[in-house]
Amino acid sequence: MRHASIFALGALVMTALGSVAMAEPVVLVSKDGYTRLSGDLIKFDKKFYVVKTSVGQVRIPIADVSCEGTGCPDLAPQPVEQAQTGLTQDQQLELFRAFLEWRKNSEDFRAFLEWRKNNAN
């Protein structure tokens, strides 16, 4: 029983800390720069910012504003996982060989090979 109470208290503390950590100060600035909205970012779903302001929660599309402040999410594109082609490894290698053969017959590729040959260490 005592362990359950400690676990429940720990879960409550972690929940409280998690919600505090999510509410970070931000300033949303309109694209024209004339309108600024400040508050705590409480949610971000890659399409909208939800900011808690002095007048309540406001939901703003990310396309309409830029975000300033420590609470702003990183909007840099994330690396894409390698696509599954449905080809076997042998088929992928054959496709790659065909691509290299095509490139070998290309004038740009020949120039690159010549440059590489002349500049090899």
PDB file of N, CA and C in Angstrom:
ATOM      1  N   MET A   1       0.834  -1.184   0.000  1.00  0.00           N
ATOM      2  CA  MET A   1       0.000   0.000   0.000  1.00  0.00           C
ATOM      3  C   MET A   1       0.881   1.250   0.000  1.00  0.00           C
ATOM      4  N   ARG A   2       1.954   1.194   0.776  1.00  0.00           N
ATOM      5  CA  ARG A   2       2.832   2.349   0.864  1.00  0.00           C
ATOM      6  C   ARG A   2       3.500   2.620  -0.479  1.00  0.00           C
ATOM      7  N   HIS A   3       3.907   1.544  -1.190  1.00  0.00           N
ATOM      8  CA  HIS A   3       4.540   1.701  -2.498  1.00  0.00           C
ATOM      9  C   HIS A   3       3.574   2.321  -3.491  1.00  0.00           C
ATOM     10  N   ALA A   4       2.311   1.932  -3.415  1.00  0.00           N
ATOM     11  CA  ALA A   4       1.308   2.497  -4.326  1.00  0.00           C
ATOM     12  C   ALA A   4       1.141   3.997  -4.067  1.00  0.00           C
ATOM     13  N   SER A   5       1.188   4.402  -2.805  1.00  0.00           N
ATOM     14  CA  SER A   5       1.060   5.820  -2.469  1.00  0.00           C
ATOM     15  C   SER A   5       2.253   6.607  -2.981  1.00  0.00           C
ATOM     16  N   ILE A   6       3.443   6.049  -2.821  1.00  0.00           N
ATOM     17  CA  ILE A   6       4.654   6.717  -3.308  1.00  0.00           C
ATOM     18  C   ILE A   6       4.613   6.823  -4.830  1.00  0.00           C
ATOM     19  N   PHE A   7       4.178   5.743  -5.497  1.00  0.00           N
ATOM     20  CA  PHE A   7       4.076   5.760  -6.963  1.00  0.00           C
ATOM     21  C   PHE A   7       3.079   6.818  -7.423  1.00  0.00           C
ATOM     22  N   ALA A   8       1.929   6.897  -6.760  1.00  0.00           N
ATOM     23  CA  ALA A   8       0.907   7.872  -7.133  1.00  0.00           C
ATOM     24  C   ALA A   8       1.423   9.295  -6.940  1.00  0.00           C
ATOM     25  N   LEU A   9       2.133   9.541  -5.839  1.00  0.00           N
ATOM     26  CA  LEU A   9       2.705  10.859  -5.581  1.00  0.00           C
ATOM     27  C   LEU A   9       3.747  11.196  -6.643  1.00  0.00           C
ATOM     28  N   GLY A  10       4.584  10.221  -6.992  1.00  0.00           N
ATOM     29  CA  GLY A  10       5.589  10.441  -8.032  1.00  0.00           C
ATOM     30  C   GLY A  10       4.945  10.750  -9.372  1.00  0.00           C
ATOM     31  N   ALA A  11       3.889  10.024  -9.711  1.00  0.00           N
ATOM     32  CA  ALA A  11       3.191  10.266 -10.976  1.00  0.00           C
ATOM     33  C   ALA A  11       2.568  11.653 -10.994  1.00  0.00           C
ATOM     34  N   LEU A  12       2.017  12.080  -9.864  1.00  0.00           N
ATOM     35  CA  LEU A  12       1.419  13.407  -9.760  1.00  0.00           C
ATOM     36  C   LEU A  12       2.478  14.492  -9.939  1.00  0.00           C
ATOM     37  N   VAL A  13       3.632  14.324  -9.300  1.00  0.00           N
ATOM     38  CA  VAL A  13       4.718  15.291  -9.423  1.00  0.00           C
ATOM     39  C   VAL A  13       5.220  15.349 -10.864  1.00  0.00           C
ATOM     40  N   MET A  14       5.412  14.194 -11.506  1.00  0.00           N
ATOM     41  CA  MET A  14       5.882  14.163 -12.884  1.00  0.00           C
ATOM     42  C   MET A  14       4.882  14.826 -13.827  1.00  0.00           C
ATOM     43  N   THR A  15       3.587  14.616 -13.584  1.00  0.00           N
ATOM     44  CA  THR A  15       2.562  15.248 -14.404  1.00  0.00           C
ATOM     45  C   THR A  15       2.610  16.757 -14.237  1.00  0.00           C
ATOM     46  N   ALA A  16       2.745  17.199 -13.004  1.00  0.00           N
ATOM     47  CA  ALA A  16       2.815  18.643 -12.747  1.00  0.00           C
ATOM     48  C   ALA A  16       4.056  19.246 -13.391  1.00  0.00           C
ATOM     49  N   LEU A  17       5.191  18.566 -13.280  1.00  0.00           N
ATOM     50  CA  LEU A  17       6.417  19.068 -13.892  1.00  0.00           C
ATOM     51  C   LEU A  17       6.316  19.070 -15.406  1.00  0.00           C
ATOM     52  N   GLY A  18       5.686  18.056 -15.960  1.00  0.00           N
ATOM     53  CA  GLY A  18       5.529  17.985 -17.406  1.00  0.00           C
ATOM     54  C   GLY A  18       4.705  19.124 -17.947  1.00  0.00           C
ATOM     55  N   SER A  19       3.625  19.502 -17.255  1.00  0.00           N
ATOM     56  CA  SER A  19       2.787  20.587 -17.749  1.00  0.00           C
ATOM     57  C   SER A  19       3.479  21.927 -17.585  1.00  0.00           C
ATOM     58  N   VAL A  20       4.307  22.077 -16.554  1.00  0.00           N
ATOM     59  CA  VAL A  20       5.056  23.313 -16.381  1.00  0.00           C
ATOM     60  C   VAL A  20       6.112  23.435 -17.466  1.00  0.00           C
ATOM     61  N   ALA A  21       6.776  22.336 -17.773  1.00  0.00           N
ATOM     62  CA  ALA A  21       7.824  22.370 -18.783  1.00  0.00           C
ATOM     63  C   ALA A  21       7.247  22.685 -20.155  1.00  0.00           C
ATOM     64  N   MET A  22       6.014  22.278 -20.437  1.00  0.00           N
ATOM     65  CA  MET A  22       5.400  22.531 -21.722  1.00  0.00           C
ATOM     66  C   MET A  22       4.996  23.993 -21.872  1.00  0.00           C
ATOM     67  N   ALA A  23       4.639  24.655 -20.788  1.00  0.00           N
ATOM     68  CA  ALA A  23       4.197  26.049 -20.837  1.00  0.00           C
ATOM     69  C   ALA A  23       5.409  26.969 -20.796  1.00  0.00           C
ATOM     70  N   GLU A  24       5.958  27.254 -21.976  1.00  0.00           N
ATOM     71  CA  GLU A  24       7.149  28.100 -22.089  1.00  0.00           C
ATOM     72  C   GLU A  24       6.766  29.424 -22.735  1.00  0.00           C
ATOM     73  N   PRO A  25       7.380  30.530 -22.315  1.00  0.00           N
ATOM     74  CA  PRO A  25       7.027  31.825 -22.894  1.00  0.00           C
ATOM     75  C   PRO A  25       7.444  31.942 -24.357  1.00  0.00           C
ATOM     76  N   VAL A  26       6.510  32.479 -25.164  1.00  0.00           N
ATOM     77  CA  VAL A  26       6.766  32.722 -26.580  1.00  0.00           C
ATOM     78  C   VAL A  26       6.131  34.049 -26.982  1.00  0.00           C
ATOM     79  N   VAL A  27       6.586  34.563 -28.101  1.00  0.00           N
ATOM     80  CA  VAL A  27       5.955  35.725 -28.731  1.00  0.00           C
ATOM     81  C   VAL A  27       5.706  35.329 -30.178  1.00  0.00           C
ATOM     82  N   LEU A  28       4.445  35.369 -30.589  1.00  0.00           N
ATOM     83  CA  LEU A  28       4.091  35.080 -31.971  1.00  0.00           C
ATOM     84  C   LEU A  28       3.956  36.402 -32.707  1.00  0.00           C
ATOM     85  N   VAL A  29       4.675  36.523 -33.819  1.00  0.00           N
ATOM     86  CA  VAL A  29       4.713  37.768 -34.578  1.00  0.00           C
ATOM     87  C   VAL A  29       4.084  37.518 -35.938  1.00  0.00           C
ATOM     88  N   SER A  30       3.132  38.385 -36.320  1.00  0.00           N
ATOM     89  CA  SER A  30       2.489  38.244 -37.625  1.00  0.00           C
ATOM     90  C   SER A  30       3.517  38.409 -38.730  1.00  0.00           C
ATOM     91  N   LYS A  31       3.212  37.880 -39.910  1.00  0.00           N
ATOM     92  CA  LYS A  31       4.147  37.927 -41.032  1.00  0.00           C
ATOM     93  C   LYS A  31       4.502  39.362 -41.424  1.00  0.00           C
ATOM     94  N   ASP A  32       3.563  40.298 -41.249  1.00  0.00           N
ATOM     95  CA  ASP A  32       3.865  41.697 -41.581  1.00  0.00           C
ATOM     96  C   ASP A  32       4.611  42.417 -40.457  1.00  0.00           C
ATOM     97  N   GLY A  33       4.721  41.765 -39.288  1.00  0.00           N
ATOM     98  CA  GLY A  33       5.477  42.323 -38.170  1.00  0.00           C
ATOM     99  C   GLY A  33       4.719  43.312 -37.300  1.00  0.00           C
ATOM    100  N   TYR A  34       3.467  43.594 -37.624  1.00  0.00           N
ATOM    101  CA  TYR A  34       2.714  44.603 -36.872  1.00  0.00           C
ATOM    102  C   TYR A  34       1.984  44.054 -35.655  1.00  0.00           C
ATOM    103  N   THR A  35       1.720  42.774 -35.626  1.00  0.00           N
ATOM    104  CA  THR A  35       0.969  42.205 -34.513  1.00  0.00           C
ATOM    105  C   THR A  35       1.841  41.214 -33.757  1.00  0.00           C
ATOM    106  N   ARG A  36       1.847  41.371 -32.430  1.00  0.00           N
ATOM    107  CA  ARG A  36       2.620  40.478 -31.561  1.00  0.00           C
ATOM    108  C   ARG A  36       1.702  39.940 -30.483  1.00  0.00           C
ATOM    109  N   LEU A  37       1.799  38.641 -30.242  1.00  0.00           N
ATOM    110  CA  LEU A  37       0.997  37.982 -29.224  1.00  0.00           C
ATOM    111  C   LEU A  37       1.944  37.237 -28.304  1.00  0.00           C
ATOM    112  N   SER A  38       1.918  37.576 -27.027  1.00  0.00           N
ATOM    113  CA  SER A  38       2.817  36.904 -26.089  1.00  0.00           C
ATOM    114  C   SER A  38       2.019  36.065 -25.103  1.00  0.00           C
ATOM    115  N   GLY A  39       2.647  34.989 -24.673  1.00  0.00           N
ATOM    116  CA  GLY A  39       2.019  34.096 -23.721  1.00  0.00           C
ATOM    117  C   GLY A  39       2.857  32.849 -23.555  1.00  0.00           C
ATOM    118  N   ASP A  40       2.255  31.840 -22.970  1.00  0.00           N
ATOM    119  CA  ASP A  40       2.940  30.567 -22.740  1.00  0.00           C
ATOM    120  C   ASP A  40       2.452  29.546 -23.753  1.00  0.00           C
ATOM    121  N   LEU A  41       3.383  28.946 -24.481  1.00  0.00           N
ATOM    122  CA  LEU A  41       3.030  27.900 -25.440  1.00  0.00           C
ATOM    123  C   LEU A  41       2.625  26.660 -24.660  1.00  0.00           C
ATOM    124  N   ILE A  42       1.380  26.244 -24.846  1.00  0.00           N
ATOM    125  CA  ILE A  42       0.914  25.059 -24.118  1.00  0.00           C
ATOM    126  C   ILE A  42       0.710  23.862 -25.029  1.00  0.00           C
ATOM    127  N   LYS A  43       0.666  24.098 -26.356  1.00  0.00           N
ATOM    128  CA  LYS A  43       0.504  22.985 -27.280  1.00  0.00           C
ATOM    129  C   LYS A  43       1.006  23.403 -28.655  1.00  0.00           C
ATOM    130  N   PHE A  44       1.585  22.434 -29.353  1.00  0.00           N
ATOM    131  CA  PHE A  44       2.037  22.634 -30.719  1.00  0.00           C
ATOM    132  C   PHE A  44       1.824  21.335 -31.461  1.00  0.00           C
ATOM    133  N   ASP A  45       1.065  21.380 -32.569  1.00  0.00           N
ATOM    134  CA  ASP A  45       0.779  20.142 -33.297  1.00  0.00           C
ATOM    135  C   ASP A  45       1.247  20.185 -34.755  1.00  0.00           C
ATOM    136  N   LYS A  46       2.266  20.975 -35.046  1.00  0.00           N
ATOM    137  CA  LYS A  46       2.875  21.129 -36.374  1.00  0.00           C
ATOM    138  C   LYS A  46       1.996  21.896 -37.341  1.00  0.00           C
ATOM    139  N   LYS A  47       0.784  22.269 -36.936  1.00  0.00           N
ATOM    140  CA  LYS A  47      -0.076  23.127 -37.759  1.00  0.00           C
ATOM    141  C   LYS A  47      -0.510  24.372 -37.003  1.00  0.00           C
ATOM    142  N   PHE A  48      -0.653  24.240 -35.682  1.00  0.00           N
ATOM    143  CA  PHE A  48      -1.143  25.336 -34.870  1.00  0.00           C
ATOM    144  C   PHE A  48      -0.309  25.495 -33.597  1.00  0.00           C
ATOM    145  N   TYR A  49      -0.191  26.744 -33.158  1.00  0.00           N
ATOM    146  CA  TYR A  49       0.319  27.050 -31.827  1.00  0.00           C
ATOM    147  C   TYR A  49      -0.908  27.274 -30.947  1.00  0.00           C
ATOM    148  N   VAL A  50      -0.891  26.745 -29.734  1.00  0.00           N
ATOM    149  CA  VAL A  50      -1.913  27.078 -28.745  1.00  0.00           C
ATOM    150  C   VAL A  50      -1.177  27.790 -27.626  1.00  0.00           C
ATOM    151  N   VAL A  51      -1.536  29.053 -27.421  1.00  0.00           N
ATOM    152  CA  VAL A  51      -0.839  29.912 -26.469  1.00  0.00           C
ATOM    153  C   VAL A  51      -1.814  30.375 -25.395  1.00  0.00           C
ATOM    154  N   LYS A  52      -1.382  30.276 -24.148  1.00  0.00           N
ATOM    155  CA  LYS A  52      -2.176  30.779 -23.027  1.00  0.00           C
ATOM    156  C   LYS A  52      -1.789  32.231 -22.822  1.00  0.00           C
ATOM    157  N   THR A  53      -2.740  33.123 -23.006  1.00  0.00           N
ATOM    158  CA  THR A  53      -2.495  34.558 -22.865  1.00  0.00           C
ATOM    159  C   THR A  53      -3.267  35.088 -21.670  1.00  0.00           C
ATOM    160  N   SER A  54      -3.147  36.377 -21.429  1.00  0.00           N
ATOM    161  CA  SER A  54      -3.861  36.995 -20.301  1.00  0.00           C
ATOM    162  C   SER A  54      -5.368  37.000 -20.524  1.00  0.00           C
ATOM    163  N   VAL A  55      -5.825  36.819 -21.755  1.00  0.00           N
ATOM    164  CA  VAL A  55      -7.258  36.796 -22.038  1.00  0.00           C
ATOM    165  C   VAL A  55      -7.781  35.396 -22.347  1.00  0.00           C
ATOM    166  N   GLY A  56      -6.934  34.387 -22.216  1.00  0.00           N
ATOM    167  CA  GLY A  56      -7.350  33.013 -22.455  1.00  0.00           C
ATOM    168  C   GLY A  56      -6.475  32.327 -23.487  1.00  0.00           C
ATOM    169  N   GLN A  57      -6.901  31.138 -23.902  1.00  0.00           N
ATOM    170  CA  GLN A  57      -6.135  30.370 -24.881  1.00  0.00           C
ATOM    171  C   GLN A  57      -6.448  30.861 -26.293  1.00  0.00           C
ATOM    172  N   VAL A  58      -5.390  30.926 -27.099  1.00  0.00           N
ATOM    173  CA  VAL A  58      -5.528  31.343 -28.488  1.00  0.00           C
ATOM    174  C   VAL A  58      -4.857  30.286 -29.355  1.00  0.00           C
ATOM    175  N   ARG A  59      -5.522  29.928 -30.449  1.00  0.00           N
ATOM    176  CA  ARG A  59      -4.992  28.931 -31.393  1.00  0.00           C
ATOM    177  C   ARG A  59      -4.671  29.654 -32.702  1.00  0.00           C
ATOM    178  N   ILE A  60      -3.373  29.636 -33.080  1.00  0.00           N
ATOM    179  CA  ILE A  60      -2.906  30.385 -34.244  1.00  0.00           C
ATOM    180  C   ILE A  60      -2.224  29.427 -35.222  1.00  0.00           C
ATOM    181  N   PRO A  61      -2.567  29.484 -36.517  1.00  0.00           N
ATOM    182  CA  PRO A  61      -1.873  28.647 -37.502  1.00  0.00           C
ATOM    183  C   PRO A  61      -0.402  29.058 -37.621  1.00  0.00           C
ATOM    184  N   ILE A  62       0.505  28.097 -37.686  1.00  0.00           N
ATOM    185  CA  ILE A  62       1.930  28.428 -37.743  1.00  0.00           C
ATOM    186  C   ILE A  62       2.286  29.137 -39.037  1.00  0.00           C
ATOM    187  N   ALA A  63       1.484  28.971 -40.097  1.00  0.00           N
ATOM    188  CA  ALA A  63       1.771  29.624 -41.371  1.00  0.00           C
ATOM    189  C   ALA A  63       1.576  31.134 -41.295  1.00  0.00           C
ATOM    190  N   ASP A  64       0.832  31.611 -40.297  1.00  0.00           N
ATOM    191  CA  ASP A  64       0.508  33.039 -40.210  1.00  0.00           C
ATOM    192  C   ASP A  64       1.472  33.837 -39.355  1.00  0.00           C
ATOM    193  N   VAL A  65       2.335  33.156 -38.587  1.00  0.00           N
ATOM    194  CA  VAL A  65       3.188  33.863 -37.637  1.00  0.00           C
ATOM    195  C   VAL A  65       4.584  33.251 -37.602  1.00  0.00           C
ATOM    196  N   SER A  66       5.500  34.006 -37.022  1.00  0.00           N
ATOM    197  CA  SER A  66       6.799  33.441 -36.662  1.00  0.00           C
ATOM    198  C   SER A  66       6.864  33.437 -35.143  1.00  0.00           C
ATOM    199  N   CYS A  67       7.634  32.514 -34.611  1.00  0.00           N
ATOM    200  CA  CYS A  67       7.698  32.328 -33.166  1.00  0.00           C
ATOM    201  C   CYS A  67       9.038  32.820 -32.646  1.00  0.00           C
ATOM    202  N   GLU A  68       8.994  33.576 -31.555  1.00  0.00           N
ATOM    203  CA  GLU A  68      10.201  34.054 -30.896  1.00  0.00           C
ATOM    204  C   GLU A  68      10.153  33.632 -29.438  1.00  0.00           C
ATOM    205  N   GLY A  69      11.304  33.275 -28.901  1.00  0.00           N
ATOM    206  CA  GLY A  69      11.378  32.918 -27.490  1.00  0.00           C
ATOM    207  C   GLY A  69      11.884  31.512 -27.266  1.00  0.00           C
ATOM    208  N   THR A  70      12.194  31.238 -26.008  1.00  0.00           N
ATOM    209  CA  THR A  70      12.780  29.940 -25.655  1.00  0.00           C
ATOM    210  C   THR A  70      11.808  28.786 -25.808  1.00  0.00           C
ATOM    211  N   GLY A  71      10.518  29.060 -25.774  1.00  0.00           N
ATOM    212  CA  GLY A  71       9.524  27.997 -25.874  1.00  0.00           C
ATOM    213  C   GLY A  71       9.166  27.608 -27.287  1.00  0.00           C
ATOM    214  N   CYS A  72       9.757  28.268 -28.278  1.00  0.00           N
ATOM    215  CA  CYS A  72       9.414  27.976 -29.676  1.00  0.00           C
ATOM    216  C   CYS A  72       9.916  26.597 -30.073  1.00  0.00           C
ATOM    217  N   PRO A  73       9.065  25.831 -30.757  1.00  0.00           N
ATOM    218  CA  PRO A  73       9.487  24.506 -31.215  1.00  0.00           C
ATOM    219  C   PRO A  73      10.434  24.623 -32.405  1.00  0.00           C
ATOM    220  N   ASP A  74      11.222  23.583 -32.608  1.00  0.00           N
ATOM    221  CA  ASP A  74      12.133  23.519 -33.744  1.00  0.00           C
ATOM    222  C   ASP A  74      11.319  23.111 -34.972  1.00  0.00           C
ATOM    223  N   LEU A  75      11.255  24.000 -35.962  1.00  0.00           N
ATOM    224  CA  LEU A  75      10.467  23.720 -37.155  1.00  0.00           C
ATOM    225  C   LEU A  75      11.314  23.185 -38.300  1.00  0.00           C
ATOM    226  N   ALA A  76      12.582  22.877 -38.037  1.00  0.00           N
ATOM    227  CA  ALA A  76      13.455  22.343 -39.080  1.00  0.00           C
ATOM    228  C   ALA A  76      12.921  20.989 -39.527  1.00  0.00           C
ATOM    229  N   PRO A  77      13.012  20.724 -40.809  1.00  0.00           N
ATOM    230  CA  PRO A  77      12.538  19.425 -41.291  1.00  0.00           C
ATOM    231  C   PRO A  77      13.299  18.285 -40.631  1.00  0.00           C
ATOM    232  N   GLN A  78      12.585  17.249 -40.300  1.00  0.00           N
ATOM    233  CA  GLN A  78      13.195  16.080 -39.681  1.00  0.00           C
ATOM    234  C   GLN A  78      13.626  15.113 -40.769  1.00  0.00           C
ATOM    235  N   PRO A  79      14.714  14.359 -40.532  1.00  0.00           N
ATOM    236  CA  PRO A  79      15.143  13.406 -41.553  1.00  0.00           C
ATOM    237  C   PRO A  79      14.064  12.376 -41.834  1.00  0.00           C
ATOM    238  N   VAL A  80      13.915  12.052 -43.074  1.00  0.00           N
ATOM    239  CA  VAL A  80      12.912  11.080 -43.494  1.00  0.00           C
ATOM    240  C   VAL A  80      13.534   9.693 -43.441  1.00  0.00           C
ATOM    241  N   GLU A  81      12.773   8.759 -42.940  1.00  0.00           N
ATOM    242  CA  GLU A  81      13.263   7.385 -42.918  1.00  0.00           C
ATOM    243  C   GLU A  81      13.388   6.878 -44.344  1.00  0.00           C
ATOM    244  N   GLN A  82      14.320   5.968 -44.548  1.00  0.00           N
ATOM    245  CA  GLN A  82      14.519   5.404 -45.876  1.00  0.00           C
ATOM    246  C   GLN A  82      13.247   4.695 -46.326  1.00  0.00           C
ATOM    247  N   ALA A  83      12.809   5.022 -47.521  1.00  0.00           N
ATOM    248  CA  ALA A  83      11.581   4.436 -48.048  1.00  0.00           C
ATOM    249  C   ALA A  83      11.774   2.957 -48.349  1.00  0.00           C
ATOM    250  N   GLN A  84      10.741   2.198 -48.117  1.00  0.00           N
ATOM    251  CA  GLN A  84      10.760   0.785 -48.458  1.00  0.00           C
ATOM    252  C   GLN A  84      10.364   0.656 -49.929  1.00  0.00           C
ATOM    253  N   THR A  85      11.223   0.070 -50.746  1.00  0.00           N
ATOM    254  CA  THR A  85      10.977  -0.004 -52.176  1.00  0.00           C
ATOM    255  C   THR A  85      10.218  -1.245 -52.581  1.00  0.00           C
ATOM    256  N   GLY A  86      10.243  -2.258 -51.770  1.00  0.00           N
ATOM    257  CA  GLY A  86       9.608  -3.515 -52.139  1.00  0.00           C
ATOM    258  C   GLY A  86      10.496  -4.353 -53.049  1.00  0.00           C
ATOM    259  N   LEU A  87      11.734  -3.900 -53.271  1.00  0.00           N
ATOM    260  CA  LEU A  87      12.677  -4.639 -54.104  1.00  0.00           C
ATOM    261  C   LEU A  87      13.613  -5.444 -53.213  1.00  0.00           C
ATOM    262  N   THR A  88      14.054  -6.562 -53.723  1.00  0.00           N
ATOM    263  CA  THR A  88      15.050  -7.339 -52.988  1.00  0.00           C
ATOM    264  C   THR A  88      16.390  -6.612 -53.068  1.00  0.00           C
ATOM    265  N   GLN A  89      17.321  -7.033 -52.265  1.00  0.00           N
ATOM    266  CA  GLN A  89      18.645  -6.407 -52.284  1.00  0.00           C
ATOM    267  C   GLN A  89      19.311  -6.583 -53.647  1.00  0.00           C
ATOM    268  N   ASP A  90      19.174  -7.747 -54.259  1.00  0.00           N
ATOM    269  CA  ASP A  90      19.741  -7.979 -55.589  1.00  0.00           C
ATOM    270  C   ASP A  90      19.119  -7.037 -56.627  1.00  0.00           C
ATOM    271  N   GLN A  91      17.806  -6.844 -56.545  1.00  0.00           N
ATOM    272  CA  GLN A  91      17.134  -5.935 -57.478  1.00  0.00           C
ATOM    273  C   GLN A  91      17.601  -4.493 -57.267  1.00  0.00           C
ATOM    274  N   GLN A  92      17.789  -4.095 -56.007  1.00  0.00           N
ATOM    275  CA  GLN A  92      18.280  -2.748 -55.721  1.00  0.00           C
ATOM    276  C   GLN A  92      19.682  -2.559 -56.278  1.00  0.00           C
ATOM    277  N   LEU A  93      20.552  -3.576 -56.113  1.00  0.00           N
ATOM    278  CA  LEU A  93      21.911  -3.485 -56.644  1.00  0.00           C
ATOM    279  C   LEU A  93      21.904  -3.398 -58.168  1.00  0.00           C
ATOM    280  N   GLU A  94      21.044  -4.168 -58.810  1.00  0.00           N
ATOM    281  CA  GLU A  94      20.948  -4.128 -60.272  1.00  0.00           C
ATOM    282  C   GLU A  94      20.460  -2.758 -60.741  1.00  0.00           C
ATOM    283  N   LEU A  95      19.514  -2.207 -60.042  1.00  0.00           N
ATOM    284  CA  LEU A  95      19.023  -0.872 -60.370  1.00  0.00           C
ATOM    285  C   LEU A  95      20.133   0.161 -60.198  1.00  0.00           C
ATOM    286  N   PHE A  96      20.904   0.037 -59.149  1.00  0.00           N
ATOM    287  CA  PHE A  96      22.018   0.954 -58.905  1.00  0.00           C
ATOM    288  C   PHE A  96      23.082   0.801 -59.990  1.00  0.00           C
ATOM    289  N   ARG A  97      23.389  -0.445 -60.380  1.00  0.00           N
ATOM    290  CA  ARG A  97      24.356  -0.672 -61.469  1.00  0.00           C
ATOM    291  C   ARG A  97      23.878  -0.026 -62.772  1.00  0.00           C
ATOM    292  N   ALA A  98      22.586  -0.162 -63.055  1.00  0.00           N
ATOM    293  CA  ALA A  98      22.028   0.449 -64.271  1.00  0.00           C
ATOM    294  C   ALA A  98      22.147   1.972 -64.203  1.00  0.00           C
ATOM    295  N   PHE A  99      21.917   2.531 -63.034  1.00  0.00           N
ATOM    296  CA  PHE A  99      22.064   3.979 -62.864  1.00  0.00           C
ATOM    297  C   PHE A  99      23.505   4.398 -63.114  1.00  0.00           C
ATOM    298  N   LEU A 100      24.457   3.663 -62.552  1.00  0.00           N
ATOM    299  CA  LEU A 100      25.870   4.000 -62.744  1.00  0.00           C
ATOM    300  C   LEU A 100      26.271   3.886 -64.213  1.00  0.00           C
ATOM    301  N   GLU A 101      25.760   2.889 -64.904  1.00  0.00           N
ATOM    302  CA  GLU A 101      26.052   2.732 -66.330  1.00  0.00           C
ATOM    303  C   GLU A 101      25.505   3.923 -67.112  1.00  0.00           C
ATOM    304  N   TRP A 102      24.305   4.345 -66.766  1.00  0.00           N
ATOM    305  CA  TRP A 102      23.718   5.517 -67.413  1.00  0.00           C
ATOM    306  C   TRP A 102      24.573   6.750 -67.168  1.00  0.00           C
ATOM    307  N   ARG A 103      25.022   6.916 -65.913  1.00  0.00           N
ATOM    308  CA  ARG A 103      25.857   8.068 -65.567  1.00  0.00           C
ATOM    309  C   ARG A 103      27.198   8.012 -66.285  1.00  0.00           C
ATOM    310  N   LYS A 104      27.737   6.810 -66.467  1.00  0.00           N
ATOM    311  CA  LYS A 104      29.027   6.658 -67.143  1.00  0.00           C
ATOM    312  C   LYS A 104      28.941   7.175 -68.580  1.00  0.00           C
ATOM    313  N   ASN A 105      27.775   7.039 -69.196  1.00  0.00           N
ATOM    314  CA  ASN A 105      27.576   7.496 -70.562  1.00  0.00           C
ATOM    315  C   ASN A 105      27.217   8.976 -70.645  1.00  0.00           C
ATOM    316  N   SER A 106      27.112   9.610 -69.510  1.00  0.00           N
ATOM    317  CA  SER A 106      26.776  11.032 -69.471  1.00  0.00           C
ATOM    318  C   SER A 106      28.049  11.869 -69.568  1.00  0.00           C
ATOM    319  N   GLU A 107      27.996  12.964 -70.311  1.00  0.00           N
ATOM    320  CA  GLU A 107      29.149  13.846 -70.504  1.00  0.00           C
ATOM    321  C   GLU A 107      29.618  14.441 -69.167  1.00  0.00           C
ATOM    322  N   ASP A 108      28.675  14.838 -68.308  1.00  0.00           N
ATOM    323  CA  ASP A 108      29.030  15.410 -67.013  1.00  0.00           C
ATOM    324  C   ASP A 108      29.801  14.405 -66.167  1.00  0.00           C
ATOM    325  N   PHE A 109      29.359  13.168 -66.200  1.00  0.00           N
ATOM    326  CA  PHE A 109      30.014  12.156 -65.384  1.00  0.00           C
ATOM    327  C   PHE A 109      31.428  11.883 -65.897  1.00  0.00           C
ATOM    328  N   ARG A 110      31.595  11.868 -67.224  1.00  0.00           N
ATOM    329  CA  ARG A 110      32.937  11.681 -67.780  1.00  0.00           C
ATOM    330  C   ARG A 110      33.853  12.821 -67.354  1.00  0.00           C
ATOM    331  N   ALA A 111      33.355  14.037 -67.370  1.00  0.00           N
ATOM    332  CA  ALA A 111      34.153  15.188 -66.945  1.00  0.00           C
ATOM    333  C   ALA A 111      34.539  15.055 -65.469  1.00  0.00           C
ATOM    334  N   PHE A 112      33.608  14.589 -64.649  1.00  0.00           N
ATOM    335  CA  PHE A 112      33.890  14.383 -63.237  1.00  0.00           C
ATOM    336  C   PHE A 112      34.985  13.328 -63.047  1.00  0.00           C
ATOM    337  N   LEU A 113      34.858  12.224 -63.782  1.00  0.00           N
ATOM    338  CA  LEU A 113      35.865  11.168 -63.664  1.00  0.00           C
ATOM    339  C   LEU A 113      37.235  11.671 -64.098  1.00  0.00           C
ATOM    340  N   GLU A 114      37.298  12.477 -65.148  1.00  0.00           N
ATOM    341  CA  GLU A 114      38.564  13.042 -65.614  1.00  0.00           C
ATOM    342  C   GLU A 114      39.162  13.964 -64.556  1.00  0.00           C
ATOM    343  N   TRP A 115      38.315  14.809 -63.975  1.00  0.00           N
ATOM    344  CA  TRP A 115      38.777  15.711 -62.916  1.00  0.00           C
ATOM    345  C   TRP A 115      39.296  14.910 -61.734  1.00  0.00           C
ATOM    346  N   ARG A 116      38.543  13.880 -61.354  1.00  0.00           N
ATOM    347  CA  ARG A 116      38.946  13.059 -60.205  1.00  0.00           C
ATOM    348  C   ARG A 116      40.268  12.358 -60.474  1.00  0.00           C
ATOM    349  N   LYS A 117      40.470  11.858 -61.693  1.00  0.00           N
ATOM    350  CA  LYS A 117      41.700  11.189 -62.065  1.00  0.00           C
ATOM    351  C   LYS A 117      42.883  12.156 -61.998  1.00  0.00           C
ATOM    352  N   ASN A 118      42.691  13.369 -62.464  1.00  0.00           N
ATOM    353  CA  ASN A 118      43.750  14.376 -62.472  1.00  0.00           C
ATOM    354  C   ASN A 118      44.055  14.942 -61.094  1.00  0.00           C
ATOM    355  N   ASN A 119      43.085  14.859 -60.181  1.00  0.00           N
ATOM    356  CA  ASN A 119      43.263  15.456 -58.853  1.00  0.00           C
ATOM    357  C   ASN A 119      43.397  14.428 -57.741  1.00  0.00           C
ATOM    358  N   ALA A 120      43.577  13.170 -58.105  1.00  0.00           N
ATOM    359  CA  ALA A 120      43.739  12.111 -57.091  1.00  0.00           C
ATOM    360  C   ALA A 120      45.056  12.279 -56.363  1.00  0.00           C
ATOM    361  N   ASN A 121      45.049  11.987 -55.099  1.00  0.00           N
ATOM    362  CA  ASN A 121      46.273  12.101 -54.291  1.00  0.00           C
ATOM    363  C   ASN A 121      47.114  10.865 -54.395  1.00  0.00           C
TER     364      ASN A 121
END
